N, C-alpha and C. Protein backbone atom coordinates (compact mmCIF):
# COMPACT_ATOMS: atom_id res chain seq x y z
N MET A 1 -57.11 -34.45 -38.30
CA MET A 1 -55.80 -33.91 -38.66
C MET A 1 -54.79 -34.20 -37.56
N ASN A 2 -55.23 -34.16 -36.30
CA ASN A 2 -54.32 -34.45 -35.20
C ASN A 2 -53.86 -35.90 -35.20
N ALA A 3 -54.69 -36.78 -35.74
CA ALA A 3 -54.31 -38.20 -35.80
C ALA A 3 -53.12 -38.40 -36.73
N LEU A 4 -53.03 -37.60 -37.79
CA LEU A 4 -51.89 -37.72 -38.71
C LEU A 4 -50.58 -37.33 -38.04
N LEU A 5 -50.63 -36.42 -37.10
CA LEU A 5 -49.43 -36.02 -36.39
C LEU A 5 -48.88 -37.14 -35.52
N VAL A 6 -49.73 -38.09 -35.19
CA VAL A 6 -49.30 -39.25 -34.40
C VAL A 6 -48.98 -40.42 -35.32
N LEU A 7 -49.82 -40.64 -36.32
CA LEU A 7 -49.69 -41.84 -37.15
C LEU A 7 -48.48 -41.80 -38.08
N ILE A 8 -48.11 -40.66 -38.58
CA ILE A 8 -46.95 -40.58 -39.49
C ILE A 8 -45.65 -40.94 -38.77
N PRO A 9 -45.34 -40.39 -37.61
CA PRO A 9 -44.11 -40.81 -36.91
C PRO A 9 -44.15 -42.29 -36.48
N VAL A 10 -45.33 -42.78 -36.09
CA VAL A 10 -45.44 -44.19 -35.71
C VAL A 10 -45.17 -45.08 -36.92
N ALA A 11 -45.70 -44.73 -38.07
CA ALA A 11 -45.46 -45.51 -39.29
C ALA A 11 -43.99 -45.47 -39.68
N LEU A 12 -43.36 -44.33 -39.58
CA LEU A 12 -41.93 -44.23 -39.89
C LEU A 12 -41.10 -45.06 -38.92
N PHE A 13 -41.45 -45.02 -37.65
CA PHE A 13 -40.74 -45.79 -36.64
C PHE A 13 -40.86 -47.29 -36.91
N LEU A 14 -42.07 -47.76 -37.22
CA LEU A 14 -42.27 -49.18 -37.51
C LEU A 14 -41.55 -49.58 -38.79
N GLY A 15 -41.51 -48.71 -39.77
CA GLY A 15 -40.77 -48.99 -40.99
C GLY A 15 -39.28 -49.12 -40.73
N LEU A 16 -38.74 -48.27 -39.87
CA LEU A 16 -37.32 -48.37 -39.52
C LEU A 16 -37.02 -49.64 -38.74
N ILE A 17 -37.94 -50.07 -37.90
CA ILE A 17 -37.75 -51.32 -37.18
C ILE A 17 -37.74 -52.50 -38.17
N GLY A 18 -38.64 -52.48 -39.13
CA GLY A 18 -38.68 -53.53 -40.15
C GLY A 18 -37.42 -53.55 -40.99
N LEU A 19 -36.93 -52.39 -41.36
CA LEU A 19 -35.70 -52.30 -42.14
C LEU A 19 -34.51 -52.80 -41.33
N ALA A 20 -34.45 -52.45 -40.06
CA ALA A 20 -33.36 -52.92 -39.20
C ALA A 20 -33.41 -54.44 -39.04
N ALA A 21 -34.59 -55.02 -38.91
CA ALA A 21 -34.72 -56.47 -38.79
C ALA A 21 -34.28 -57.16 -40.07
N PHE A 22 -34.63 -56.59 -41.22
CA PHE A 22 -34.22 -57.16 -42.50
C PHE A 22 -32.71 -57.09 -42.67
N LEU A 23 -32.11 -55.96 -42.32
CA LEU A 23 -30.66 -55.83 -42.44
C LEU A 23 -29.94 -56.76 -41.47
N TRP A 24 -30.49 -56.94 -40.28
CA TRP A 24 -29.92 -57.90 -39.34
C TRP A 24 -29.97 -59.32 -39.91
N ALA A 25 -31.09 -59.69 -40.52
CA ALA A 25 -31.21 -61.02 -41.11
C ALA A 25 -30.22 -61.21 -42.26
N LEU A 26 -30.01 -60.18 -43.05
CA LEU A 26 -29.01 -60.27 -44.12
C LEU A 26 -27.61 -60.45 -43.54
N ARG A 27 -27.29 -59.69 -42.52
CA ARG A 27 -25.96 -59.71 -41.95
C ARG A 27 -25.65 -61.03 -41.25
N THR A 28 -26.66 -61.69 -40.68
CA THR A 28 -26.42 -62.94 -39.96
C THR A 28 -26.54 -64.16 -40.85
N GLY A 29 -26.78 -63.98 -42.14
CA GLY A 29 -26.77 -65.10 -43.08
C GLY A 29 -28.07 -65.88 -43.16
N GLN A 30 -29.19 -65.28 -42.86
CA GLN A 30 -30.46 -65.99 -42.91
C GLN A 30 -30.87 -66.35 -44.33
N PHE A 31 -30.37 -65.65 -45.33
CA PHE A 31 -30.79 -65.86 -46.70
C PHE A 31 -29.69 -66.47 -47.56
N ASP A 32 -28.70 -67.10 -46.94
CA ASP A 32 -27.56 -67.63 -47.70
C ASP A 32 -27.93 -68.86 -48.53
N ASP A 33 -28.67 -69.80 -47.96
CA ASP A 33 -28.95 -71.07 -48.64
C ASP A 33 -30.46 -71.25 -48.77
N LEU A 34 -31.04 -70.64 -49.78
CA LEU A 34 -32.49 -70.71 -49.94
C LEU A 34 -32.95 -72.04 -50.52
N ASP A 35 -32.12 -72.69 -51.36
CA ASP A 35 -32.53 -73.92 -52.01
C ASP A 35 -32.04 -75.17 -51.29
N GLY A 36 -31.22 -75.03 -50.30
CA GLY A 36 -30.63 -76.18 -49.63
C GLY A 36 -31.66 -77.10 -49.00
N ALA A 37 -32.55 -76.57 -48.21
CA ALA A 37 -33.56 -77.40 -47.54
C ALA A 37 -34.55 -77.98 -48.54
N ALA A 38 -34.85 -77.25 -49.58
CA ALA A 38 -35.80 -77.74 -50.57
C ALA A 38 -35.23 -78.92 -51.36
N GLU A 39 -33.93 -78.91 -51.63
CA GLU A 39 -33.31 -80.00 -52.37
C GLU A 39 -32.89 -81.14 -51.45
N ARG A 40 -32.62 -80.86 -50.19
CA ARG A 40 -32.16 -81.87 -49.25
C ARG A 40 -33.23 -82.94 -49.02
N ILE A 41 -34.50 -82.56 -49.11
CA ILE A 41 -35.57 -83.53 -48.87
C ILE A 41 -35.69 -84.53 -50.02
N LEU A 42 -35.17 -84.19 -51.18
CA LEU A 42 -35.28 -85.06 -52.34
C LEU A 42 -34.21 -86.15 -52.36
N HIS A 43 -33.15 -86.00 -51.61
CA HIS A 43 -32.04 -86.95 -51.62
C HIS A 43 -32.17 -87.93 -50.46
N ASP A 44 -31.91 -89.21 -50.76
CA ASP A 44 -31.94 -90.22 -49.73
C ASP A 44 -30.64 -90.23 -48.95
N ASP A 45 -30.74 -90.38 -47.66
CA ASP A 45 -29.56 -90.53 -46.81
C ASP A 45 -29.42 -92.01 -46.45
N ASP A 46 -28.49 -92.67 -47.07
CA ASP A 46 -28.29 -94.11 -46.79
C ASP A 46 -27.25 -94.33 -45.73
């Protein structure tokens, strides 16, 4: 039972860190062009 008193706050803290990293990635434009690199390889650069 004492382990839950430690593990629940640790899990919440790690979840908040993950959420903050995801929001940072959204804000900096990491997900703006998902298909660009996939289609760029199909076109020849002459």
